Amino acid sequence: MHSPEWFDKAINEKPESKYLLIESVKIHYLLWGDTTKPSLFFIHGYSAHAHWWDFIAPHFLDDFCVVAIDLSGMGDSDHRTLYSQELYAQEIKSICDDIGIKSAIFLAHSMGGPIAVKAAHLYPNLFEALILIDSVVVIPPDKVKAFSSRNSMLRHNTEYNNFEEAIGSFRLIPPQPCKNDFLLRHIAEKSFREYEGKWVLKSDGMIMKSYELQDLTEIYMDLKCPLYLVYGLMSQIFSQELLDYTIYVGNIPKEKVKGIPRAMHHLFIDEPLVFVEEIKQLLS
């Protein structure tokens, strides 16, 4: 499968792989670059992991140290019996403490957005800014019921006979086409582990059994850090109504909102280089 030069160059920037014990669970994270530089901290979405940023993070190393977490139950972090926004926020803070980061700019995709908002509320001095990436943080009151069901996000831990069969089964959540097959392949290769002779997804299919969706409206309105919003103009979850409501409740200025053409919910997979340039413009 052919991949472009920019991608090969990016993934050749190998991060340091580190582990930290947090509330009796081993949490994994990736670290790129010089820790004396300002910090960018990436937070993935549901059933994803830190390696989703392998081809994004290296573009920022001239100016930043970059960190990407595997939230518990996902990636190479251990699973928990219970999951919560408070625990995820604690994982983020503990990793910053482990590295010696006093404050950072956070970028959070999808489910990572509400988690980052909760963390920014609990640890306000840690957040220099928060960039939400196609993330539903607040919901109009008349739409709450439609977003309350999480049954579609529960899944069985399907076993595959070999690695290639597992890779071939990989799908994005929510489903969408992907024109950049080399990116999807890279992500898929980091998404499975061998277990008793079979291959299974690293992500815990039962996360949503205990994870509570909190009403973050009051918290979101009262955040102390600057807010930015980047979304896919073709996003299948981020409707115009949600966009308007997110901007209104967060009081986000127009110049801090970026829509990426030809991109759906997984916008940094659809248009990775455009995404990088838009983020760089926001950071500047």
C-alpha atoms as a PDB file:
ATOM      1  CA  MET A   1       0.000   0.000   0.000  1.00  0.00           C
ATOM      2  CA  HIS A   2       1.610   3.239  -1.185  1.00  0.00           C
ATOM      3  CA  SER A   3       2.028   6.057   1.330  1.00  0.00           C
ATOM      4  CA  PRO A   4       3.203   9.618   0.626  1.00  0.00           C
ATOM      5  CA  GLU A   5       6.569  10.978   1.673  1.00  0.00           C
ATOM      6  CA  TRP A   6       5.125  13.313   4.334  1.00  0.00           C
ATOM      7  CA  PHE A   7       3.533  10.337   6.099  1.00  0.00           C
ATOM      8  CA  ASP A   8       6.668   8.214   6.031  1.00  0.00           C
ATOM      9  CA  LYS A   9       8.679  11.111   7.401  1.00  0.00           C
ATOM     10  CA  ALA A  10       6.162  11.720  10.193  1.00  0.00           C
ATOM     11  CA  ILE A  11       5.955   8.148  11.461  1.00  0.00           C
ATOM     12  CA  ASN A  12       9.741   7.858  11.403  1.00  0.00           C
ATOM     13  CA  GLU A  13       9.730  10.422  14.236  1.00  0.00           C
ATOM     14  CA  LYS A  14       9.428   7.751  16.896  1.00  0.00           C
ATOM     15  CA  PRO A  15       7.974   8.864  20.239  1.00  0.00           C
ATOM     16  CA  GLU A  16       9.069   7.626  23.627  1.00  0.00           C
ATOM     17  CA  SER A  17       6.590   5.077  24.992  1.00  0.00           C
ATOM     18  CA  LYS A  18       5.963   5.474  28.731  1.00  0.00           C
ATOM     19  CA  TYR A  19       3.757   3.948  31.432  1.00  0.00           C
ATOM     20  CA  LEU A  20       2.401   5.339  34.685  1.00  0.00           C
ATOM     21  CA  LEU A  21       0.372   3.667  37.462  1.00  0.00           C
ATOM     22  CA  ILE A  22      -2.779   5.696  38.182  1.00  0.00           C
ATOM     23  CA  GLU A  23      -5.415   4.426  40.628  1.00  0.00           C
ATOM     24  CA  SER A  24      -3.975   0.898  40.386  1.00  0.00           C
ATOM     25  CA  VAL A  25      -4.188   0.877  36.581  1.00  0.00           C
ATOM     26  CA  LYS A  26      -1.244   1.107  34.170  1.00  0.00           C
ATOM     27  CA  ILE A  27      -1.678   4.068  31.800  1.00  0.00           C
ATOM     28  CA  HIS A  28       0.334   4.377  28.597  1.00  0.00           C
ATOM     29  CA  TYR A  29       1.336   7.573  26.812  1.00  0.00           C
ATOM     30  CA  LEU A  30       3.578   8.737  23.973  1.00  0.00           C
ATOM     31  CA  LEU A  31       6.055  11.605  24.176  1.00  0.00           C
ATOM     32  CA  TRP A  32       7.674  13.378  21.228  1.00  0.00           C
ATOM     33  CA  GLY A  33      10.356  16.036  21.295  1.00  0.00           C
ATOM     34  CA  ASP A  34      12.076  18.342  23.756  1.00  0.00           C
ATOM     35  CA  THR A  35      10.264  18.625  27.100  1.00  0.00           C
ATOM     36  CA  THR A  36      11.764  22.077  27.711  1.00  0.00           C
ATOM     37  CA  LYS A  37       9.555  23.438  24.901  1.00  0.00           C
ATOM     38  CA  PRO A  38       5.878  24.417  25.372  1.00  0.00           C
ATOM     39  CA  SER A  39       3.548  21.407  25.413  1.00  0.00           C
ATOM     40  CA  LEU A  40       0.765  20.157  23.159  1.00  0.00           C
ATOM     41  CA  PHE A  41      -1.348  17.380  24.680  1.00  0.00           C
ATOM     42  CA  PHE A  42      -3.552  15.238  22.396  1.00  0.00           C
ATOM     43  CA  ILE A  43      -6.609  13.356  23.715  1.00  0.00           C
ATOM     44  CA  HIS A  44      -8.212  10.735  21.469  1.00  0.00           C
ATOM     45  CA  GLY A  45     -11.851   9.738  21.082  1.00  0.00           C
ATOM     46  CA  TYR A  46     -13.833   6.608  21.907  1.00  0.00           C
ATOM     47  CA  SER A  47     -12.168   3.259  21.134  1.00  0.00           C
ATOM     48  CA  ALA A  48      -9.115   5.094  19.767  1.00  0.00           C
ATOM     49  CA  HIS A  49      -5.563   5.475  21.112  1.00  0.00           C
ATOM     50  CA  ALA A  50      -2.428   7.612  21.183  1.00  0.00           C
ATOM     51  CA  HIS A  51      -1.073   6.247  17.894  1.00  0.00           C
ATOM     52  CA  TRP A  52      -3.907   7.990  16.028  1.00  0.00           C
ATOM     53  CA  TRP A  53      -1.657  11.048  16.349  1.00  0.00           C
ATOM     54  CA  ASP A  54       1.550   9.411  14.985  1.00  0.00           C
ATOM     55  CA  PHE A  55       1.228  11.223  11.652  1.00  0.00           C
ATOM     56  CA  ILE A  56       0.004  14.507  13.211  1.00  0.00           C
ATOM     57  CA  ALA A  57       2.229  15.107  16.258  1.00  0.00           C
ATOM     58  CA  PRO A  58       5.631  15.343  14.457  1.00  0.00           C
ATOM     59  CA  HIS A  59       4.476  18.383  12.455  1.00  0.00           C
ATOM     60  CA  PHE A  60       4.598  20.471  15.650  1.00  0.00           C
ATOM     61  CA  LEU A  61       8.003  19.488  17.023  1.00  0.00           C
ATOM     62  CA  ASP A  62       9.806  22.642  15.901  1.00  0.00           C
ATOM     63  CA  ASP A  63       7.891  24.603  18.507  1.00  0.00           C
ATOM     64  CA  PHE A  64       6.411  22.071  20.928  1.00  0.00           C
ATOM     65  CA  CYS A  65       6.871  18.962  22.966  1.00  0.00           C
ATOM     66  CA  VAL A  66       3.917  16.686  22.105  1.00  0.00           C
ATOM     67  CA  VAL A  67       2.130  14.224  24.391  1.00  0.00           C
ATOM     68  CA  ALA A  68      -0.612  11.724  23.500  1.00  0.00           C
ATOM     69  CA  ILE A  69      -2.439   9.634  26.081  1.00  0.00           C
ATOM     70  CA  ASP A  70      -4.004   6.189  25.902  1.00  0.00           C
ATOM     71  CA  LEU A  71      -7.038   6.730  28.111  1.00  0.00           C
ATOM     72  CA  SER A  72      -7.719   3.735  30.361  1.00  0.00           C
ATOM     73  CA  GLY A  73      -9.575   0.940  28.581  1.00  0.00           C
ATOM     74  CA  MET A  74      -8.046   1.954  25.252  1.00  0.00           C
ATOM     75  CA  GLY A  75      -4.756   1.545  23.421  1.00  0.00           C
ATOM     76  CA  ASP A  76      -1.966   0.071  25.523  1.00  0.00           C
ATOM     77  CA  SER A  77      -3.449   1.238  28.820  1.00  0.00           C
ATOM     78  CA  ASP A  78      -5.048  -1.309  31.142  1.00  0.00           C
ATOM     79  CA  HIS A  79      -8.798  -1.727  31.441  1.00  0.00           C
ATOM     80  CA  ARG A  80     -10.845  -0.642  34.463  1.00  0.00           C
ATOM     81  CA  THR A  81     -14.051  -2.050  35.880  1.00  0.00           C
ATOM     82  CA  LEU A  82     -15.478   1.496  36.079  1.00  0.00           C
ATOM     83  CA  TYR A  83     -14.795   4.527  33.888  1.00  0.00           C
ATOM     84  CA  SER A  84     -15.572   8.194  34.533  1.00  0.00           C
ATOM     85  CA  GLN A  85     -14.670  11.683  33.353  1.00  0.00           C
ATOM     86  CA  GLU A  86     -13.080  12.350  36.751  1.00  0.00           C
ATOM     87  CA  LEU A  87     -10.763   9.341  36.402  1.00  0.00           C
ATOM     88  CA  TYR A  88      -9.838  10.291  32.855  1.00  0.00           C
ATOM     89  CA  ALA A  89      -9.118  13.845  34.010  1.00  0.00           C
ATOM     90  CA  GLN A  90      -6.891  12.443  36.751  1.00  0.00           C
ATOM     91  CA  GLU A  91      -4.998  10.364  34.169  1.00  0.00           C
ATOM     92  CA  ILE A  92      -4.329  13.495  32.100  1.00  0.00           C
ATOM     93  CA  LYS A  93      -3.144  15.478  35.122  1.00  0.00           C
ATOM     94  CA  SER A  94      -0.943  12.634  36.378  1.00  0.00           C
ATOM     95  CA  ILE A  95       0.839  12.313  33.032  1.00  0.00           C
ATOM     96  CA  CYS A  96       1.510  16.061  33.019  1.00  0.00           C
ATOM     97  CA  ASP A  97       2.949  15.741  36.527  1.00  0.00           C
ATOM     98  CA  ASP A  98       5.075  12.774  35.427  1.00  0.00           C
ATOM     99  CA  ILE A  99       6.634  14.791  32.600  1.00  0.00           C
ATOM    100  CA  GLY A 100       6.847  18.014  34.599  1.00  0.00           C
ATOM    101  CA  ILE A 101       4.307  19.930  32.504  1.00  0.00           C
ATOM    102  CA  LYS A 102       2.872  22.892  34.428  1.00  0.00           C
ATOM    103  CA  SER A 103       0.536  23.967  31.609  1.00  0.00           C
ATOM    104  CA  ALA A 104      -0.230  22.899  28.051  1.00  0.00           C
ATOM    105  CA  ILE A 105      -2.438  23.477  25.042  1.00  0.00           C
ATOM    106  CA  PHE A 106      -4.842  20.552  24.783  1.00  0.00           C
ATOM    107  CA  LEU A 107      -6.399  19.149  21.608  1.00  0.00           C
ATOM    108  CA  ALA A 108      -9.293  16.760  22.140  1.00  0.00           C
ATOM    109  CA  HIS A 109     -11.206  14.759  19.526  1.00  0.00           C
ATOM    110  CA  SER A 110     -14.772  13.472  19.851  1.00  0.00           C
ATOM    111  CA  MET A 111     -15.290  11.797  23.285  1.00  0.00           C
ATOM    112  CA  GLY A 112     -11.991  13.363  24.351  1.00  0.00           C
ATOM    113  CA  GLY A 113     -13.645  16.807  24.246  1.00  0.00           C
ATOM    114  CA  PRO A 114     -15.992  16.365  27.225  1.00  0.00           C
ATOM    115  CA  ILE A 115     -13.160  14.658  29.131  1.00  0.00           C
ATOM    116  CA  ALA A 116     -10.885  17.645  28.438  1.00  0.00           C
ATOM    117  CA  VAL A 117     -13.607  20.098  29.507  1.00  0.00           C
ATOM    118  CA  LYS A 118     -13.972  18.204  32.797  1.00  0.00           C
ATOM    119  CA  ALA A 119     -10.188  18.211  33.274  1.00  0.00           C
ATOM    120  CA  ALA A 120     -10.013  21.954  32.519  1.00  0.00           C
ATOM    121  CA  HIS A 121     -12.633  22.530  35.200  1.00  0.00           C
ATOM    122  CA  LEU A 122     -10.813  20.401  37.788  1.00  0.00           C
ATOM    123  CA  TYR A 123      -7.299  21.640  36.920  1.00  0.00           C
ATOM    124  CA  PRO A 124      -7.761  25.151  35.473  1.00  0.00           C
ATOM    125  CA  ASN A 125      -4.097  26.161  35.826  1.00  0.00           C
ATOM    126  CA  LEU A 126      -3.064  23.234  33.635  1.00  0.00           C
ATOM    127  CA  PHE A 127      -4.952  24.447  30.565  1.00  0.00           C
ATOM    128  CA  GLU A 128      -3.437  27.272  28.525  1.00  0.00           C
ATOM    129  CA  ALA A 129      -6.054  26.630  25.858  1.00  0.00           C
ATOM    130  CA  LEU A 130      -8.394  23.873  24.677  1.00  0.00           C
ATOM    131  CA  ILE A 131      -8.977  23.022  21.013  1.00  0.00           C
ATOM    132  CA  LEU A 132     -12.082  20.885  20.556  1.00  0.00           C
ATOM    133  CA  ILE A 133     -12.000  18.672  17.457  1.00  0.00           C
ATOM    134  CA  ASP A 134     -15.438  17.692  16.114  1.00  0.00           C
ATOM    135  CA  SER A 135     -16.510  17.099  19.693  1.00  0.00           C
ATOM    136  CA  VAL A 136     -20.028  17.196  21.143  1.00  0.00           C
ATOM    137  CA  VAL A 137     -19.593  18.785  24.572  1.00  0.00           C
ATOM    138  CA  VAL A 138     -22.975  20.422  25.121  1.00  0.00           C
ATOM    139  CA  ILE A 139     -26.328  19.378  23.655  1.00  0.00           C
ATOM    140  CA  PRO A 140     -29.454  21.503  23.104  1.00  0.00           C
ATOM    141  CA  PRO A 141     -32.054  20.488  25.723  1.00  0.00           C
ATOM    142  CA  ASP A 142     -34.505  19.184  23.114  1.00  0.00           C
ATOM    143  CA  LYS A 143     -31.789  16.876  21.667  1.00  0.00           C
ATOM    144  CA  VAL A 144     -30.552  15.285  24.898  1.00  0.00           C
ATOM    145  CA  LYS A 145     -32.771  12.196  24.596  1.00  0.00           C
ATOM    146  CA  ALA A 146     -31.487  11.441  21.100  1.00  0.00           C
ATOM    147  CA  PHE A 147     -27.897  11.461  22.396  1.00  0.00           C
ATOM    148  CA  SER A 148     -28.565   9.502  25.598  1.00  0.00           C
ATOM    149  CA  SER A 149     -28.460   5.956  24.179  1.00  0.00           C
ATOM    150  CA  ARG A 150     -25.034   4.336  24.262  1.00  0.00           C
ATOM    151  CA  ASN A 151     -26.046   0.798  23.319  1.00  0.00           C
ATOM    152  CA  SER A 152     -24.534   1.153  19.859  1.00  0.00           C
ATOM    153  CA  MET A 153     -21.154   1.804  21.511  1.00  0.00           C
ATOM    154  CA  LEU A 154     -21.172  -1.441  23.496  1.00  0.00           C
ATOM    155  CA  ARG A 155     -19.565  -4.332  21.642  1.00  0.00           C
ATOM    156  CA  HIS A 156     -18.334  -7.874  22.052  1.00  0.00           C
ATOM    157  CA  ASN A 157     -14.597  -8.446  22.025  1.00  0.00           C
ATOM    158  CA  THR A 158     -14.496 -10.340  18.714  1.00  0.00           C
ATOM    159  CA  GLU A 159     -11.565 -12.702  18.222  1.00  0.00           C
ATOM    160  CA  TYR A 160      -9.704 -13.000  14.919  1.00  0.00           C
ATOM    161  CA  ASN A 161      -7.560 -15.916  13.809  1.00  0.00           C
ATOM    162  CA  ASN A 162      -4.660 -13.833  12.528  1.00  0.00           C
ATOM    163  CA  PHE A 163      -3.375 -10.272  12.364  1.00  0.00           C
ATOM    164  CA  GLU A 164      -4.387  -9.617   8.749  1.00  0.00           C
ATOM    165  CA  GLU A 165      -7.937 -10.778   9.429  1.00  0.00           C
ATOM    166  CA  ALA A 166      -8.078  -8.417  12.396  1.00  0.00           C
ATOM    167  CA  ILE A 167      -6.715  -5.501  10.350  1.00  0.00           C
ATOM    168  CA  GLY A 168      -9.269  -6.168   7.629  1.00  0.00           C
ATOM    169  CA  SER A 169     -12.104  -5.932  10.142  1.00  0.00           C
ATOM    170  CA  PHE A 170     -11.139  -2.490  11.429  1.00  0.00           C
ATOM    171  CA  ARG A 171     -13.782   0.231  11.074  1.00  0.00           C
ATOM    172  CA  LEU A 172     -14.024   3.818  12.272  1.00  0.00           C
ATOM    173  CA  ILE A 173     -16.691   4.753  14.851  1.00  0.00           C
ATOM    174  CA  PRO A 174     -18.982   6.338  13.731  1.00  0.00           C
ATOM    175  CA  PRO A 175     -18.646   4.620  10.346  1.00  0.00           C
ATOM    176  CA  GLN A 176     -17.400   6.663   7.413  1.00  0.00           C
ATOM    177  CA  PRO A 177     -15.470   6.099   4.188  1.00  0.00           C
ATOM    178  CA  CYS A 178     -11.735   6.753   4.273  1.00  0.00           C
ATOM    179  CA  LYS A 179      -9.861   7.857   1.160  1.00  0.00           C
ATOM    180  CA  ASN A 180      -6.483   7.614   2.907  1.00  0.00           C
ATOM    181  CA  ASP A 181      -6.147   3.835   3.219  1.00  0.00           C
ATOM    182  CA  PHE A 182      -2.533   4.078   4.393  1.00  0.00           C
ATOM    183  CA  LEU A 183      -3.679   6.090   7.451  1.00  0.00           C
ATOM    184  CA  LEU A 184      -6.435   3.635   8.286  1.00  0.00           C
ATOM    185  CA  ARG A 185      -3.988   0.752   7.958  1.00  0.00           C
ATOM    186  CA  HIS A 186      -1.493   2.435  10.295  1.00  0.00           C
ATOM    187  CA  ILE A 187      -4.176   3.032  12.928  1.00  0.00           C
ATOM    188  CA  ALA A 188      -5.541  -0.497  12.577  1.00  0.00           C
ATOM    189  CA  GLU A 189      -2.083  -2.044  13.021  1.00  0.00           C
ATOM    190  CA  LYS A 190      -1.837  -0.327  16.423  1.00  0.00           C
ATOM    191  CA  SER A 191      -5.398  -1.243  17.467  1.00  0.00           C
ATOM    192  CA  PHE A 192      -5.133  -5.013  18.063  1.00  0.00           C
ATOM    193  CA  ARG A 193      -3.235  -7.272  20.437  1.00  0.00           C
ATOM    194  CA  GLU A 194      -2.630 -11.011  20.506  1.00  0.00           C
ATOM    195  CA  TYR A 195      -4.435 -12.885  23.268  1.00  0.00           C
ATOM    196  CA  GLU A 196      -4.265 -16.666  23.689  1.00  0.00           C
ATOM    197  CA  GLY A 197      -3.459 -17.206  20.030  1.00  0.00           C
ATOM    198  CA  LYS A 198      -6.186 -14.891  18.769  1.00  0.00           C
ATOM    199  CA  TRP A 199      -6.227 -11.190  17.854  1.00  0.00           C
ATOM    200  CA  VAL A 200      -8.591  -8.803  19.662  1.00  0.00           C
ATOM    201  CA  LEU A 201      -9.150  -5.054  19.755  1.00  0.00           C
ATOM    202  CA  LYS A 202      -7.204  -3.373  22.543  1.00  0.00           C
ATOM    203  CA  SER A 203     -10.197  -1.180  23.356  1.00  0.00           C
ATOM    204  CA  ASP A 204     -12.537  -2.358  26.126  1.00  0.00           C
ATOM    205  CA  GLY A 205     -15.961  -2.902  24.559  1.00  0.00           C
ATOM    206  CA  MET A 206     -17.655  -2.353  27.912  1.00  0.00           C
ATOM    207  CA  ILE A 207     -16.456   1.203  28.587  1.00  0.00           C
ATOM    208  CA  MET A 208     -19.915   2.673  28.024  1.00  0.00           C
ATOM    209  CA  LYS A 209     -21.468   0.292  30.560  1.00  0.00           C
ATOM    210  CA  SER A 210     -20.170   2.454  33.422  1.00  0.00           C
ATOM    211  CA  TYR A 211     -19.090   5.719  31.763  1.00  0.00           C
ATOM    212  CA  GLU A 212     -21.569   8.476  32.582  1.00  0.00           C
ATOM    213  CA  LEU A 213     -22.445  11.269  30.166  1.00  0.00           C
ATOM    214  CA  GLN A 214     -22.568  14.384  32.340  1.00  0.00           C
ATOM    215  CA  ASP A 215     -24.283  17.678  31.616  1.00  0.00           C
ATOM    216  CA  LEU A 216     -21.263  19.945  31.232  1.00  0.00           C
ATOM    217  CA  THR A 217     -23.163  23.102  30.274  1.00  0.00           C
ATOM    218  CA  GLU A 218     -22.383  25.097  33.429  1.00  0.00           C
ATOM    219  CA  ILE A 219     -18.756  23.918  33.473  1.00  0.00           C
ATOM    220  CA  TYR A 220     -18.317  24.658  29.769  1.00  0.00           C
ATOM    221  CA  MET A 221     -19.711  28.183  30.170  1.00  0.00           C
ATOM    222  CA  ASP A 222     -17.308  28.898  33.027  1.00  0.00           C
ATOM    223  CA  LEU A 223     -14.005  27.578  31.651  1.00  0.00           C
ATOM    224  CA  LYS A 224     -11.043  29.858  32.380  1.00  0.00           C
ATOM    225  CA  CYS A 225      -8.970  28.910  29.327  1.00  0.00           C
ATOM    226  CA  PRO A 226      -9.464  30.090  25.724  1.00  0.00           C
ATOM    227  CA  LEU A 227     -11.615  27.748  23.620  1.00  0.00           C
ATOM    228  CA  TYR A 228     -11.165  26.864  19.958  1.00  0.00           C
ATOM    229  CA  LEU A 229     -13.260  24.643  17.717  1.00  0.00           C
ATOM    230  CA  VAL A 230     -12.198  22.680  14.630  1.00  0.00           C
ATOM    231  CA  TYR A 231     -14.762  20.502  12.858  1.00  0.00           C
ATOM    232  CA  GLY A 232     -15.410  18.676   9.611  1.00  0.00           C
ATOM    233  CA  LEU A 233     -17.789  20.440   7.266  1.00  0.00           C
ATOM    234  CA  MET A 234     -19.131  16.989   6.322  1.00  0.00           C
ATOM    235  CA  SER A 235     -19.202  15.672   9.905  1.00  0.00           C
ATOM    236  CA  GLN A 236     -21.877  13.024  10.375  1.00  0.00           C
ATOM    237  CA  ILE A 237     -22.355  13.908  14.064  1.00  0.00           C
ATOM    238  CA  PHE A 238     -21.594  17.612  14.297  1.00  0.00           C
ATOM    239  CA  SER A 239     -24.696  19.184  12.780  1.00  0.00           C
ATOM    240  CA  GLN A 240     -25.154  22.905  12.138  1.00  0.00           C
ATOM    241  CA  GLU A 241     -27.422  23.056  15.183  1.00  0.00           C
ATOM    242  CA  LEU A 242     -24.768  21.485  17.415  1.00  0.00           C
ATOM    243  CA  LEU A 243     -22.128  23.758  15.926  1.00  0.00           C
ATOM    244  CA  ASP A 244     -24.176  26.886  16.637  1.00  0.00           C
ATOM    245  CA  TYR A 245     -25.022  25.725  20.152  1.00  0.00           C
ATOM    246  CA  THR A 246     -21.387  24.820  20.974  1.00  0.00           C
ATOM    247  CA  ILE A 247     -20.189  28.229  19.777  1.00  0.00           C
ATOM    248  CA  TYR A 248     -22.980  30.092  21.569  1.00  0.00           C
ATOM    249  CA  VAL A 249     -22.681  28.357  24.948  1.00  0.00           C
ATOM    250  CA  GLY A 250     -18.872  28.497  24.882  1.00  0.00           C
ATOM    251  CA  ASN A 251     -18.883  32.113  23.666  1.00  0.00           C
ATOM    252  CA  ILE A 252     -16.246  31.163  21.074  1.00  0.00           C
ATOM    253  CA  PRO A 253     -15.224  34.034  18.775  1.00  0.00           C
ATOM    254  CA  LYS A 254     -15.642  33.465  15.045  1.00  0.00           C
ATOM    255  CA  GLU A 255     -11.883  33.631  14.429  1.00  0.00           C
ATOM    256  CA  LYS A 256     -11.386  30.663  16.782  1.00  0.00           C
ATOM    257  CA  VAL A 257     -13.703  28.378  14.785  1.00  0.00           C
ATOM    258  CA  LYS A 258     -12.396  26.422  11.780  1.00  0.00           C
ATOM    259  CA  GLY A 259     -14.407  24.175   9.463  1.00  0.00           C
ATOM    260  CA  ILE A 260     -12.394  21.797   7.286  1.00  0.00           C
ATOM    261  CA  PRO A 261     -13.817  21.107   3.800  1.00  0.00           C
ATOM    262  CA  ARG A 262     -14.137  17.517   2.512  1.00  0.00           C
ATOM    263  CA  ALA A 263     -13.741  16.224   6.081  1.00  0.00           C
ATOM    264  CA  MET A 264     -16.120  14.129   8.165  1.00  0.00           C
ATOM    265  CA  HIS A 265     -15.944  13.351  11.902  1.00  0.00           C
ATOM    266  CA  HIS A 266     -12.413  11.912  11.695  1.00  0.00           C
ATOM    267  CA  LEU A 267     -11.186  15.086  10.046  1.00  0.00           C
ATOM    268  CA  PHE A 268      -7.462  14.601  10.704  1.00  0.00           C
ATOM    269  CA  ILE A 269      -7.699  11.271   8.847  1.00  0.00           C
ATOM    270  CA  ASP A 270      -9.708  12.763   5.977  1.00  0.00           C
ATOM    271  CA  GLU A 271      -7.549  15.879   5.534  1.00  0.00           C
ATOM    272  CA  PRO A 272      -4.422  15.459   7.707  1.00  0.00           C
ATOM    273  CA  LEU A 273      -2.259  18.178   6.157  1.00  0.00           C
ATOM    274  CA  VAL A 274      -5.097  20.704   6.041  1.00  0.00           C
ATOM    275  CA  PHE A 275      -5.843  19.859   9.673  1.00  0.00           C
ATOM    276  CA  VAL A 276      -2.211  20.470  10.654  1.00  0.00           C
ATOM    277  CA  GLU A 277      -2.130  23.838   8.890  1.00  0.00           C
ATOM    278  CA  GLU A 278      -5.408  24.962  10.483  1.00  0.00           C
ATOM    279  CA  ILE A 279      -4.125  24.022  13.950  1.00  0.00           C
ATOM    280  CA  LYS A 280      -0.852  25.857  13.302  1.00  0.00           C
ATOM    281  CA  GLN A 281      -2.802  28.965  12.318  1.00  0.00           C
ATOM    282  CA  LEU A 282      -4.834  28.776  15.520  1.00  0.00           C
ATOM    283  CA  LEU A 283      -1.672  28.294  17.595  1.00  0.00           C
ATOM    284  CA  SER A 284      -0.026  31.289  15.985  1.00  0.00           C
END
